[in-house]
C-alpha atoms as a PDB file:
ATOM      1  CA  MET A   1    -202.935 131.185 -22.255  1.00  0.00           C
ATOM      2  CA  PHE A   2    -202.531 134.162 -19.899  1.00  0.00           C
ATOM      3  CA  ALA A   3    -201.196 131.813 -17.215  1.00  0.00           C
ATOM      4  CA  ARG A   4    -198.498 130.587 -19.602  1.00  0.00           C
ATOM      5  CA  ILE A   5    -197.622 134.181 -20.550  1.00  0.00           C
ATOM      6  CA  GLY A   6    -197.296 134.984 -16.855  1.00  0.00           C
ATOM      7  CA  GLN A   7    -194.978 131.990 -16.308  1.00  0.00           C
ATOM      8  CA  LEU A   8    -192.854 133.068 -19.268  1.00  0.00           C
ATOM      9  CA  ALA A   9    -192.630 136.630 -17.960  1.00  0.00           C
ATOM     10  CA  ARG A  10    -191.505 135.384 -14.540  1.00  0.00           C
ATOM     11  CA  HIS A  11    -188.900 133.126 -16.181  1.00  0.00           C
ATOM     12  CA  LEU A  12    -187.498 135.943 -18.325  1.00  0.00           C
ATOM     13  CA  SER A  13    -187.335 138.266 -15.319  1.00  0.00           C
ATOM     14  CA  ARG A  14    -184.914 135.977 -13.516  1.00  0.00           C
ATOM     15  CA  PRO A  15    -181.214 136.992 -13.606  1.00  0.00           C
ATOM     16  CA  PHE A  16    -179.087 135.280 -16.226  1.00  0.00           C
ATOM     17  CA  PRO A  17    -176.573 132.723 -14.893  1.00  0.00           C
ATOM     18  CA  HIS A  18    -173.024 133.839 -14.068  1.00  0.00           C
ATOM     19  CA  TYR A  19    -171.530 132.576 -17.319  1.00  0.00           C
ATOM     20  CA  ALA A  20    -173.948 134.742 -19.316  1.00  0.00           C
ATOM     21  CA  HIS A  21    -172.737 137.890 -17.583  1.00  0.00           C
ATOM     22  CA  PRO A  22    -168.920 137.945 -17.228  1.00  0.00           C
ATOM     23  CA  SER A  23    -169.102 141.576 -16.158  1.00  0.00           C
ATOM     24  CA  ALA A  24    -171.931 141.150 -13.665  1.00  0.00           C
ATOM     25  CA  THR A  25    -171.277 142.661 -10.265  1.00  0.00           C
ATOM     26  CA  LEU A  26    -171.107 140.485  -7.182  1.00  0.00           C
ATOM     27  CA  ALA A  27    -174.318 141.986  -5.911  1.00  0.00           C
ATOM     28  CA  THR A  28    -176.300 140.601  -8.865  1.00  0.00           C
ATOM     29  CA  ARG A  29    -175.272 136.972  -8.489  1.00  0.00           C
ATOM     30  CA  PRO A  30    -178.033 135.333  -6.446  1.00  0.00           C
ATOM     31  CA  ALA A  31    -176.787 131.820  -7.175  1.00  0.00           C
ATOM     32  CA  ILE A  32    -173.979 132.166  -4.632  1.00  0.00           C
ATOM     33  CA  THR A  33    -175.417 134.438  -1.974  1.00  0.00           C
ATOM     34  CA  GLY A  34    -176.760 131.530   0.048  1.00  0.00           C
ATOM     35  CA  THR A  35    -173.291 130.366   1.039  1.00  0.00           C
ATOM     36  CA  ILE A  36    -172.387 133.679   2.640  1.00  0.00           C
ATOM     37  CA  MET A  37    -175.427 133.736   4.900  1.00  0.00           C
ATOM     38  CA  SER A  38    -174.148 130.876   7.038  1.00  0.00           C
ATOM     39  CA  SER A  39    -174.438 131.379  10.772  1.00  0.00           C
ATOM     40  CA  ALA A  40    -171.536 131.631  13.180  1.00  0.00           C
ATOM     41  CA  ALA A  41    -172.418 128.132  14.365  1.00  0.00           C
ATOM     42  CA  ALA A  42    -172.086 126.755  10.833  1.00  0.00           C
ATOM     43  CA  THR A  43    -168.706 128.462  10.470  1.00  0.00           C
ATOM     44  CA  GLU A  44    -167.519 126.940  13.746  1.00  0.00           C
ATOM     45  CA  ASP A  45    -168.708 123.537  12.553  1.00  0.00           C
ATOM     46  CA  ARG A  46    -166.701 123.825   9.330  1.00  0.00           C
ATOM     47  CA  GLY A  47    -163.617 124.562  11.402  1.00  0.00           C
ATOM     48  CA  THR A  48    -163.986 121.616  13.799  1.00  0.00           C
ATOM     49  CA  ARG A  49    -165.781 118.771  12.021  1.00  0.00           C
ATOM     50  CA  MET A  50    -164.084 115.656  10.686  1.00  0.00           C
ATOM     51  CA  ILE A  51    -162.157 116.158   7.463  1.00  0.00           C
ATOM     52  CA  HIS A  52    -162.944 113.789   4.609  1.00  0.00           C
ATOM     53  CA  THR A  53    -162.670 115.940   1.485  1.00  0.00           C
ATOM     54  CA  ALA A  54    -160.346 118.699   0.318  1.00  0.00           C
ATOM     55  CA  GLY A  55    -160.086 121.312  -2.401  1.00  0.00           C
ATOM     56  CA  CYS A  56    -157.197 123.449  -3.651  1.00  0.00           C
ATOM     57  CA  ILE A  57    -157.264 126.825  -5.427  1.00  0.00           C
ATOM     58  CA  ILE A  58    -154.067 128.000  -7.111  1.00  0.00           C
ATOM     59  CA  ILE A  59    -154.264 131.758  -7.659  1.00  0.00           C
ATOM     60  CA  GLY A  60    -152.037 133.702 -10.033  1.00  0.00           C
ATOM     61  CA  ASP A  61    -151.949 135.202 -13.508  1.00  0.00           C
ATOM     62  CA  GLU A  62    -148.332 134.062 -13.699  1.00  0.00           C
ATOM     63  CA  VAL A  63    -149.436 130.413 -13.489  1.00  0.00           C
ATOM     64  CA  LEU A  64    -152.109 130.778 -16.165  1.00  0.00           C
ATOM     65  CA  GLY A  65    -149.640 132.682 -18.351  1.00  0.00           C
ATOM     66  CA  GLY A  66    -146.990 129.965 -18.158  1.00  0.00           C
ATOM     67  CA  LYS A  67    -144.415 132.138 -16.390  1.00  0.00           C
ATOM     68  CA  THR A  68    -144.607 130.106 -13.179  1.00  0.00           C
ATOM     69  CA  VAL A  69    -144.942 126.326 -12.997  1.00  0.00           C
ATOM     70  CA  ASP A  70    -147.321 125.290 -10.230  1.00  0.00           C
ATOM     71  CA  THR A  71    -145.833 122.678  -7.906  1.00  0.00           C
ATOM     72  CA  ASN A  72    -147.989 123.470  -4.877  1.00  0.00           C
ATOM     73  CA  SER A  73    -151.027 121.519  -6.081  1.00  0.00           C
ATOM     74  CA  ALA A  74    -148.886 118.407  -6.610  1.00  0.00           C
ATOM     75  CA  HIS A  75    -147.445 118.754  -3.105  1.00  0.00           C
ATOM     76  CA  PHE A  76    -150.934 119.251  -1.681  1.00  0.00           C
ATOM     77  CA  ALA A  77    -152.204 116.161  -3.498  1.00  0.00           C
ATOM     78  CA  LYS A  78    -149.486 114.048  -1.849  1.00  0.00           C
ATOM     79  CA  TYR A  79    -150.180 115.736   1.493  1.00  0.00           C
ATOM     80  CA  CYS A  80    -153.873 114.830   1.289  1.00  0.00           C
ATOM     81  CA  PHE A  81    -153.113 111.266   0.229  1.00  0.00           C
ATOM     82  CA  LEU A  82    -150.745 110.669   3.126  1.00  0.00           C
ATOM     83  CA  LEU A  83    -153.256 112.085   5.623  1.00  0.00           C
ATOM     84  CA  GLY A  84    -156.213 110.153   4.260  1.00  0.00           C
ATOM     85  CA  MET A  85    -158.077 113.169   2.883  1.00  0.00           C
ATOM     86  CA  GLN A  86    -159.770 112.792  -0.474  1.00  0.00           C
ATOM     87  CA  LEU A  87    -158.654 115.650  -2.710  1.00  0.00           C
ATOM     88  CA  LYS A  88    -161.702 116.283  -4.869  1.00  0.00           C
ATOM     89  CA  ARG A  89    -160.727 119.324  -6.911  1.00  0.00           C
ATOM     90  CA  VAL A  90    -157.794 121.537  -7.916  1.00  0.00           C
ATOM     91  CA  GLU A  91    -158.473 124.788  -9.756  1.00  0.00           C
ATOM     92  CA  VAL A  92    -156.083 127.353 -11.205  1.00  0.00           C
ATOM     93  CA  ILE A  93    -157.524 130.857 -11.469  1.00  0.00           C
ATOM     94  CA  GLY A  94    -156.124 134.308 -12.144  1.00  0.00           C
ATOM     95  CA  ASP A  95    -155.746 137.347  -9.930  1.00  0.00           C
ATOM     96  CA  ASP A  96    -159.377 138.200 -10.538  1.00  0.00           C
ATOM     97  CA  GLU A  97    -161.674 139.219  -7.690  1.00  0.00           C
ATOM     98  CA  ALA A  98    -164.847 137.686  -9.103  1.00  0.00           C
ATOM     99  CA  GLU A  99    -163.094 134.381  -9.840  1.00  0.00           C
ATOM    100  CA  ILE A 100    -161.586 134.209  -6.352  1.00  0.00           C
ATOM    101  CA  VAL A 101    -164.900 135.061  -4.697  1.00  0.00           C
ATOM    102  CA  GLU A 102    -166.828 132.431  -6.644  1.00  0.00           C
ATOM    103  CA  ALA A 103    -164.258 129.666  -6.246  1.00  0.00           C
ATOM    104  CA  THR A 104    -163.730 130.109  -2.509  1.00  0.00           C
ATOM    105  CA  ARG A 105    -167.435 130.276  -1.718  1.00  0.00           C
ATOM    106  CA  ARG A 106    -168.146 127.169  -3.754  1.00  0.00           C
ATOM    107  CA  MET A 107    -165.253 125.111  -2.411  1.00  0.00           C
ATOM    108  CA  SER A 108    -165.924 126.165   1.185  1.00  0.00           C
ATOM    109  CA  GLU A 109    -169.466 124.919   0.765  1.00  0.00           C
ATOM    110  CA  ASN A 110    -168.534 121.671  -0.981  1.00  0.00           C
ATOM    111  CA  TYR A 111    -165.401 120.441   0.830  1.00  0.00           C
ATOM    112  CA  ASP A 112    -164.257 120.027   4.420  1.00  0.00           C
ATOM    113  CA  PHE A 113    -160.760 121.473   4.013  1.00  0.00           C
ATOM    114  CA  VAL A 114    -159.772 124.093   1.442  1.00  0.00           C
ATOM    115  CA  VAL A 115    -156.426 125.753   0.756  1.00  0.00           C
ATOM    116  CA  THR A 116    -155.585 128.651  -1.500  1.00  0.00           C
ATOM    117  CA  SER A 117    -152.098 129.355  -2.818  1.00  0.00           C
ATOM    118  CA  GLY A 118    -150.838 132.705  -4.005  1.00  0.00           C
ATOM    119  CA  GLY A 119    -151.796 136.357  -4.190  1.00  0.00           C
ATOM    120  CA  ILE A 120    -150.907 137.518  -0.671  1.00  0.00           C
ATOM    121  CA  GLY A 121    -147.813 139.593  -1.420  1.00  0.00           C
ATOM    122  CA  PRO A 122    -147.255 143.376  -1.160  1.00  0.00           C
ATOM    123  CA  THR A 123    -148.147 144.526  -4.687  1.00  0.00           C
ATOM    124  CA  HIS A 124    -151.326 145.769  -6.351  1.00  0.00           C
ATOM    125  CA  ASP A 125    -152.089 142.435  -8.027  1.00  0.00           C
ATOM    126  CA  ASP A 126    -151.961 140.501  -4.749  1.00  0.00           C
ATOM    127  CA  ILE A 127    -155.692 140.559  -4.052  1.00  0.00           C
ATOM    128  CA  THR A 128    -156.395 137.206  -2.405  1.00  0.00           C
ATOM    129  CA  TYR A 129    -156.980 138.543   1.126  1.00  0.00           C
ATOM    130  CA  GLU A 130    -159.324 141.304   0.030  1.00  0.00           C
ATOM    131  CA  SER A 131    -161.186 139.074  -2.436  1.00  0.00           C
ATOM    132  CA  ILE A 132    -161.796 136.323   0.115  1.00  0.00           C
ATOM    133  CA  ALA A 133    -162.817 138.933   2.684  1.00  0.00           C
ATOM    134  CA  LYS A 134    -165.389 140.175   0.178  1.00  0.00           C
ATOM    135  CA  ALA A 135    -166.524 136.613  -0.546  1.00  0.00           C
ATOM    136  CA  PHE A 136    -167.622 136.154   3.069  1.00  0.00           C
ATOM    137  CA  ARG A 137    -168.576 139.765   3.837  1.00  0.00           C
ATOM    138  CA  LEU A 138    -165.693 140.314   6.244  1.00  0.00           C
ATOM    139  CA  PRO A 139    -163.558 143.388   6.917  1.00  0.00           C
ATOM    140  CA  LEU A 140    -159.811 143.443   6.388  1.00  0.00           C
ATOM    141  CA  LYS A 141    -158.114 144.183   9.705  1.00  0.00           C
ATOM    142  CA  LEU A 142    -154.487 144.971  10.412  1.00  0.00           C
ATOM    143  CA  HIS A 143    -153.407 142.021  12.555  1.00  0.00           C
ATOM    144  CA  ASP A 144    -151.058 143.274  15.245  1.00  0.00           C
ATOM    145  CA  GLU A 145    -149.379 139.944  15.977  1.00  0.00           C
ATOM    146  CA  THR A 146    -148.585 139.466  12.292  1.00  0.00           C
ATOM    147  CA  VAL A 147    -147.003 142.931  12.187  1.00  0.00           C
ATOM    148  CA  LYS A 148    -145.034 142.189  15.344  1.00  0.00           C
ATOM    149  CA  ARG A 149    -143.698 138.930  13.915  1.00  0.00           C
ATOM    150  CA  MET A 150    -142.981 140.549  10.553  1.00  0.00           C
ATOM    151  CA  LYS A 151    -140.824 143.175  12.259  1.00  0.00           C
ATOM    152  CA  ALA A 152    -138.950 140.548  14.267  1.00  0.00           C
ATOM    153  CA  LEU A 153    -138.420 137.928  11.558  1.00  0.00           C
ATOM    154  CA  SER A 154    -138.129 139.794   8.259  1.00  0.00           C
ATOM    155  CA  LYS A 155    -135.332 142.046   7.045  1.00  0.00           C
ATOM    156  CA  PRO A 156    -135.665 144.945   4.599  1.00  0.00           C
ATOM    157  CA  HIS A 157    -134.452 144.251   1.062  1.00  0.00           C
ATOM    158  CA  PRO A 158    -130.891 145.527   0.358  1.00  0.00           C
ATOM    159  CA  SER A 159    -132.464 148.171  -1.876  1.00  0.00           C
ATOM    160  CA  GLN A 160    -134.436 149.561   1.098  1.00  0.00           C
ATOM    161  CA  LYS A 161    -131.540 151.130   2.990  1.00  0.00           C
ATOM    162  CA  ASN A 162    -133.661 153.941   4.422  1.00  0.00           C
ATOM    163  CA  PHE A 163    -136.686 151.835   5.301  1.00  0.00           C
ATOM    164  CA  SER A 164    -138.134 152.355   8.770  1.00  0.00           C
ATOM    165  CA  TRP A 165    -141.072 150.716  10.497  1.00  0.00           C
ATOM    166  CA  ASP A 166    -141.724 154.025  12.241  1.00  0.00           C
ATOM    167  CA  VAL A 167    -141.742 156.337   9.226  1.00  0.00           C
ATOM    168  CA  PRO A 168    -144.713 156.302   6.827  1.00  0.00           C
ATOM    169  CA  SER A 169    -143.704 155.330   3.299  1.00  0.00           C
ATOM    170  CA  PRO A 170    -145.046 153.452   0.250  1.00  0.00           C
ATOM    171  CA  ALA A 171    -142.779 150.513   1.186  1.00  0.00           C
ATOM    172  CA  LEU A 172    -144.246 150.386   4.692  1.00  0.00           C
ATOM    173  CA  ASP A 173    -147.778 150.492   3.283  1.00  0.00           C
ATOM    174  CA  ALA A 174    -146.892 147.615   0.965  1.00  0.00           C
ATOM    175  CA  LYS A 175    -145.529 145.513   3.826  1.00  0.00           C
ATOM    176  CA  LEU A 176    -148.542 146.187   6.028  1.00  0.00           C
ATOM    177  CA  ARG A 177    -150.780 145.104   3.146  1.00  0.00           C
ATOM    178  CA  MET A 178    -149.580 141.559   3.895  1.00  0.00           C
ATOM    179  CA  ALA A 179    -150.822 141.855   7.485  1.00  0.00           C
ATOM    180  CA  ARG A 180    -154.358 143.012   6.655  1.00  0.00           C
ATOM    181  CA  LEU A 181    -156.377 139.830   7.068  1.00  0.00           C
ATOM    182  CA  PRO A 182    -160.046 138.877   6.741  1.00  0.00           C
ATOM    183  CA  ILE A 183    -161.356 138.838  10.308  1.00  0.00           C
ATOM    184  CA  ASP A 184    -164.762 137.769  11.602  1.00  0.00           C
ATOM    185  CA  GLU A 185    -165.051 139.856  14.753  1.00  0.00           C
ATOM    186  CA  SER A 186    -167.877 137.689  16.090  1.00  0.00           C
ATOM    187  CA  ARG A 187    -165.488 134.749  16.439  1.00  0.00           C
ATOM    188  CA  ASP A 188    -162.286 133.950  18.310  1.00  0.00           C
ATOM    189  CA  ILE A 189    -159.451 135.591  16.383  1.00  0.00           C
ATOM    190  CA  GLU A 190    -156.885 132.947  17.392  1.00  0.00           C
ATOM    191  CA  SER A 191    -158.783 130.306  15.412  1.00  0.00           C
ATOM    192  CA  GLN A 192    -158.705 132.576  12.361  1.00  0.00           C
ATOM    193  CA  VAL A 193    -154.987 133.415  12.330  1.00  0.00           C
ATOM    194  CA  LEU A 194    -152.645 130.471  12.846  1.00  0.00           C
ATOM    195  CA  PHE A 195    -148.900 130.703  13.399  1.00  0.00           C
ATOM    196  CA  VAL A 196    -147.736 127.145  12.837  1.00  0.00           C
ATOM    197  CA  ASP A 197    -143.999 127.697  12.361  1.00  0.00           C
ATOM    198  CA  GLU A 198    -141.965 129.802  14.777  1.00  0.00           C
ATOM    199  CA  SER A 199    -139.368 130.564  12.116  1.00  0.00           C
ATOM    200  CA  LEU A 200    -141.936 132.307   9.877  1.00  0.00           C
ATOM    201  CA  TRP A 201    -143.904 135.493  10.364  1.00  0.00           C
ATOM    202  CA  VAL A 202    -146.422 134.476   7.697  1.00  0.00           C
ATOM    203  CA  PRO A 203    -149.725 133.288   9.217  1.00  0.00           C
ATOM    204  CA  ILE A 204    -152.307 130.910   7.843  1.00  0.00           C
ATOM    205  CA  SER A 205    -155.473 132.975   7.603  1.00  0.00           C
ATOM    206  CA  VAL A 206    -158.554 130.776   8.120  1.00  0.00           C
ATOM    207  CA  VAL A 207    -161.812 132.110   6.706  1.00  0.00           C
ATOM    208  CA  ASN A 208    -165.331 130.704   7.024  1.00  0.00           C
ATOM    209  CA  GLY A 209    -163.959 127.928   9.200  1.00  0.00           C
ATOM    210  CA  ASN A 210    -162.352 125.882   6.443  1.00  0.00           C
ATOM    211  CA  VAL A 211    -160.634 128.128   3.861  1.00  0.00           C
ATOM    212  CA  HIS A 212    -156.904 128.298   4.598  1.00  0.00           C
ATOM    213  CA  ILE A 213    -155.023 131.077   2.797  1.00  0.00           C
ATOM    214  CA  LEU A 214    -151.387 130.190   2.067  1.00  0.00           C
ATOM    215  CA  PRO A 215    -148.584 131.915   0.128  1.00  0.00           C
ATOM    216  CA  GLY A 216    -147.696 130.809  -3.374  1.00  0.00           C
ATOM    217  CA  VAL A 217    -143.944 130.529  -2.715  1.00  0.00           C
ATOM    218  CA  PRO A 218    -143.440 126.729  -2.718  1.00  0.00           C
ATOM    219  CA  ARG A 219    -141.040 126.670   0.239  1.00  0.00           C
ATOM    220  CA  LEU A 220    -143.440 128.639   2.412  1.00  0.00           C
ATOM    221  CA  PHE A 221    -146.468 126.711   1.165  1.00  0.00           C
ATOM    222  CA  THR A 222    -144.959 123.335   2.092  1.00  0.00           C
ATOM    223  CA  GLN A 223    -143.496 124.576   5.373  1.00  0.00           C
ATOM    224  CA  LEU A 224    -146.817 125.981   6.537  1.00  0.00           C
ATOM    225  CA  LEU A 225    -148.734 122.861   5.514  1.00  0.00           C
ATOM    226  CA  ASP A 226    -146.270 120.757   7.497  1.00  0.00           C
ATOM    227  CA  GLY A 227    -146.792 123.014  10.499  1.00  0.00           C
ATOM    228  CA  LEU A 228    -150.560 122.733  10.152  1.00  0.00           C
ATOM    229  CA  LYS A 229    -150.544 118.935  10.224  1.00  0.00           C
ATOM    230  CA  PRO A 230    -150.699 118.506  14.056  1.00  0.00           C
ATOM    231  CA  LEU A 231    -153.865 120.627  14.122  1.00  0.00           C
ATOM    232  CA  LEU A 232    -155.492 118.481  11.433  1.00  0.00           C
ATOM    233  CA  LEU A 233    -154.690 115.013  12.791  1.00  0.00           C
ATOM    234  CA  PRO A 234    -157.429 114.958  15.475  1.00  0.00           C
ATOM    235  CA  ARG A 235    -159.989 115.716  12.766  1.00  0.00           C
ATOM    236  CA  LEU A 236    -158.981 112.847  10.484  1.00  0.00           C
ATOM    237  CA  GLU A 237    -160.644 109.457  10.304  1.00  0.00           C
ATOM    238  CA  ASN A 238    -157.302 107.949  11.264  1.00  0.00           C
ATOM    239  CA  PRO A 239    -155.634 110.300  13.764  1.00  0.00           C
ATOM    240  CA  GLU A 240    -152.239 108.911  12.769  1.00  0.00           C
ATOM    241  CA  GLY A 241    -152.827 110.283   9.281  1.00  0.00           C
ATOM    242  CA  GLU A 242    -152.462 106.886   7.643  1.00  0.00           C
ATOM    243  CA  GLY A 243    -155.879 106.519   6.119  1.00  0.00           C
ATOM    244  CA  VAL A 244    -155.065 105.728   2.474  1.00  0.00           C
ATOM    245  CA  TYR A 245    -152.845 103.021   1.037  1.00  0.00           C
ATOM    246  CA  ARG A 246    -151.391 102.508  -2.424  1.00  0.00           C
ATOM    247  CA  ILE A 247    -150.096  99.208  -3.781  1.00  0.00           C
ATOM    248  CA  LEU A 248    -148.038  99.443  -6.953  1.00  0.00           C
ATOM    249  CA  PHE A 249    -147.521  96.764  -9.595  1.00  0.00           C
ATOM    250  CA  SER A 250    -145.164  96.702 -12.565  1.00  0.00           C
ATOM    251  CA  THR A 251    -146.259  94.826 -15.683  1.00  0.00           C
ATOM    252  CA  PRO A 252    -144.590  94.155 -19.054  1.00  0.00           C
ATOM    253  CA  MET A 253    -148.039  93.974 -20.673  1.00  0.00           C
ATOM    254  CA  ALA A 254    -149.516  96.724 -22.843  1.00  0.00           C
ATOM    255  CA  GLU A 255    -152.412  98.649 -21.305  1.00  0.00           C
ATOM    256  CA  SER A 256    -154.775  97.338 -23.979  1.00  0.00           C
ATOM    257  CA  GLU A 257    -153.755  93.773 -23.101  1.00  0.00           C
ATOM    258  CA  VAL A 258    -154.711  94.093 -19.418  1.00  0.00           C
ATOM    259  CA  ALA A 259    -157.644  96.477 -19.897  1.00  0.00           C
ATOM    260  CA  GLY A 260    -160.254  93.712 -19.792  1.00  0.00           C
ATOM    261  CA  TYR A 261    -158.897  92.206 -16.588  1.00  0.00           C
ATOM    262  CA  LEU A 262    -158.563  95.604 -14.904  1.00  0.00           C
ATOM    263  CA  THR A 263    -162.156  96.483 -15.811  1.00  0.00           C
ATOM    264  CA  MET A 264    -163.392  93.340 -14.065  1.00  0.00           C
ATOM    265  CA  LEU A 265    -161.082  93.969 -11.101  1.00  0.00           C
ATOM    266  CA  ALA A 266    -162.308  97.559 -10.730  1.00  0.00           C
ATOM    267  CA  ALA A 267    -165.919  96.369 -10.587  1.00  0.00           C
ATOM    268  CA  GLU A 268    -164.982  93.734  -7.995  1.00  0.00           C
ATOM    269  CA  VAL A 269    -163.195  96.106  -5.603  1.00  0.00           C
ATOM    270  CA  GLU A 270    -165.397  99.190  -6.035  1.00  0.00           C
ATOM    271  CA  PRO A 271    -167.843  98.194  -3.250  1.00  0.00           C
ATOM    272  CA  LYS A 272    -164.883  98.233  -0.833  1.00  0.00           C
ATOM    273  CA  GLY A 273    -163.971 101.788  -1.852  1.00  0.00           C
ATOM    274  CA  VAL A 274    -160.819 100.626  -3.646  1.00  0.00           C
ATOM    275  CA  LYS A 275    -159.787 102.165  -6.958  1.00  0.00           C
ATOM    276  CA  VAL A 276    -157.747 100.537  -9.729  1.00  0.00           C
ATOM    277  CA  GLY A 277    -155.409 102.669 -11.831  1.00  0.00           C
ATOM    278  CA  SER A 278    -153.438 101.944 -15.002  1.00  0.00           C
ATOM    279  CA  TYR A 279    -150.558 104.163 -16.121  1.00  0.00           C
ATOM    280  CA  PRO A 280    -148.484 103.911 -19.309  1.00  0.00           C
ATOM    281  CA  ARG A 281    -144.795 104.734 -19.029  1.00  0.00           C
ATOM    282  CA  TRP A 282    -143.681 106.117 -22.360  1.00  0.00           C
ATOM    283  CA  GLY A 283    -140.242 105.011 -23.454  1.00  0.00           C
ATOM    284  CA  LYS A 284    -140.169 102.206 -20.856  1.00  0.00           C
ATOM    285  CA  LYS A 285    -140.706  98.487 -21.275  1.00  0.00           C
ATOM    286  CA  ARG A 286    -143.066  98.213 -18.314  1.00  0.00           C
ATOM    287  CA  ASN A 287    -146.299  99.929 -17.297  1.00  0.00           C
ATOM    288  CA  SER A 288    -147.821 100.468 -13.861  1.00  0.00           C
ATOM    289  CA  VAL A 289    -151.022  99.350 -12.161  1.00  0.00           C
ATOM    290  CA  THR A 290    -152.163 100.651  -8.770  1.00  0.00           C
ATOM    291  CA  LEU A 291    -154.635  99.817  -6.044  1.00  0.00           C
ATOM    292  CA  VAL A 292    -155.668 102.743  -3.835  1.00  0.00           C
ATOM    293  CA  GLY A 293    -157.959 102.503  -0.835  1.00  0.00           C
ATOM    294  CA  LYS A 294    -158.348 102.326   2.934  1.00  0.00           C
ATOM    295  CA  GLU A 295    -158.991  98.579   3.328  1.00  0.00           C
ATOM    296  CA  LYS A 296    -155.346  97.577   3.710  1.00  0.00           C
ATOM    297  CA  GLU A 297    -155.919  93.946   4.693  1.00  0.00           C
ATOM    298  CA  TYR A 298    -158.353  93.412   1.843  1.00  0.00           C
ATOM    299  CA  MET A 299    -156.005  95.057  -0.641  1.00  0.00           C
ATOM    300  CA  GLU A 300    -153.084  92.901   0.513  1.00  0.00           C
ATOM    301  CA  SER A 301    -155.181  89.781  -0.070  1.00  0.00           C
ATOM    302  CA  LEU A 302    -155.560  90.750  -3.743  1.00  0.00           C
ATOM    303  CA  VAL A 303    -151.833  90.998  -4.485  1.00  0.00           C
ATOM    304  CA  PRO A 304    -151.255  87.413  -5.741  1.00  0.00           C
ATOM    305  CA  GLN A 305    -154.356  87.569  -7.924  1.00  0.00           C
ATOM    306  CA  ILE A 306    -153.323  90.887  -9.491  1.00  0.00           C
ATOM    307  CA  GLU A 307    -149.716  89.806 -10.080  1.00  0.00           C
ATOM    308  CA  LYS A 308    -151.077  86.864 -12.011  1.00  0.00           C
ATOM    309  CA  GLY A 309    -153.734  88.901 -13.817  1.00  0.00           C
ATOM    310  CA  VAL A 310    -151.258  91.456 -15.184  1.00  0.00           C
ATOM    311  CA  ASP A 311    -148.300  89.072 -15.447  1.00  0.00           C
ATOM    312  CA  GLY A 312    -146.390  91.462 -13.214  1.00  0.00           C
ATOM    313  CA  ILE A 313    -144.852  91.970  -9.805  1.00  0.00           C
ATOM    314  CA  ARG A 314    -145.465  94.192  -6.817  1.00  0.00           C
ATOM    315  CA  VAL A 315    -142.915  97.013  -6.474  1.00  0.00           C
ATOM    316  CA  GLU A 316    -142.251  99.922  -4.131  1.00  0.00           C
ATOM    317  CA  ARG A 317    -141.269 102.295  -6.938  1.00  0.00           C
ATOM    318  CA  GLU A 318    -142.150 102.250 -10.633  1.00  0.00           C
ATOM    319  CA  GLU A 319    -138.504 102.076 -11.644  1.00  0.00           C
ATOM    320  CA  ASP A 320    -137.667  99.074  -9.428  1.00  0.00           C
ATOM    321  CA  ALA A 321    -138.601  96.509 -12.068  1.00  0.00           C
ATOM    322  CA  ASP A 322    -136.752  98.512 -14.718  1.00  0.00           C
ATOM    323  CA  GLU A 323    -133.541  98.207 -12.706  1.00  0.00           C
ATOM    324  CA  SER A 324    -133.872  94.434 -12.328  1.00  0.00           C
ATOM    325  CA  GLU A 325    -134.583  94.117 -16.039  1.00  0.00           C
ATOM    326  CA  ASP A 326    -131.476  96.162 -16.896  1.00  0.00           C
ATOM    327  CA  GLU A 327    -129.365  93.889 -14.705  1.00  0.00           C
ATOM    328  CA  GLU A 328    -130.676  90.798 -16.497  1.00  0.00           C
ATOM    329  CA  GLU A 329    -129.857  92.286 -19.893  1.00  0.00           C
ATOM    330  CA  GLY A 330    -126.343  93.102 -18.768  1.00  0.00           C
ATOM    331  CA  SER A 331    -125.591  89.645 -17.356  1.00  0.00           C
END
């Protein structure tokens, strides 16, 4: 009996899980401390190993509040698909330190390549750099090269007629906030701050080897990802970045009509790592079926069988069959 009481006492003395304590401080969350104790060697490994999986964290109260429509995650999904990376998770979180800390630690641990979007501007609610620095116990350091490039490539806003880089001011402090980056001083700084586009002063800050901090502005987000691509290609299974293929079919059949066939097909192709998708197209006469996988030759061999099974045709775009159907109706 006393042994059971002792076990119960030990159980009750353990900290409650994170969801039971929304206000718990970072220091009292033992469930995630293990990921921040990684050695320098483990960090280097995360930054150089082959990339198979990816995660994306969209950061911003404005996204959760409906003010801003997120397009960056959709662009990143296409980016991963074209490069042969398997995007495993997309999360949208607010400008909340605890949320950013938890999400970045977890994704860095679980996936090979992680990007964040948003929260690196000059105002008080732009807390991504400082939150991710805290997540991995790193200091924020003013990065001289970022400041140098900012001075050369950015112009003061028309409202800042008296702004000077040489005179202390709240505006200068706000600008320099964007150049204070999480830096691991035990590692090569050049691998932690990447300038991938000569027309931009904005760097990609790389933390813990695999967390890449990007701006939320869609034009900058896409431009920086494009610039990063040459650095990623050698770490992909297919260095040409053509690891995943999609074959698209258009069918006049209802989803419920082809569901049985597609279930059997999915079971048949699953051992080859191929996935079958079915997508209704509301307001259209035809629906879509897809094959997605890396075994291109095998997938091509299935085309005649699938065209017959769904009473459809292979197309390059979903709307291709719609156009041919419209022409027939008009003739």
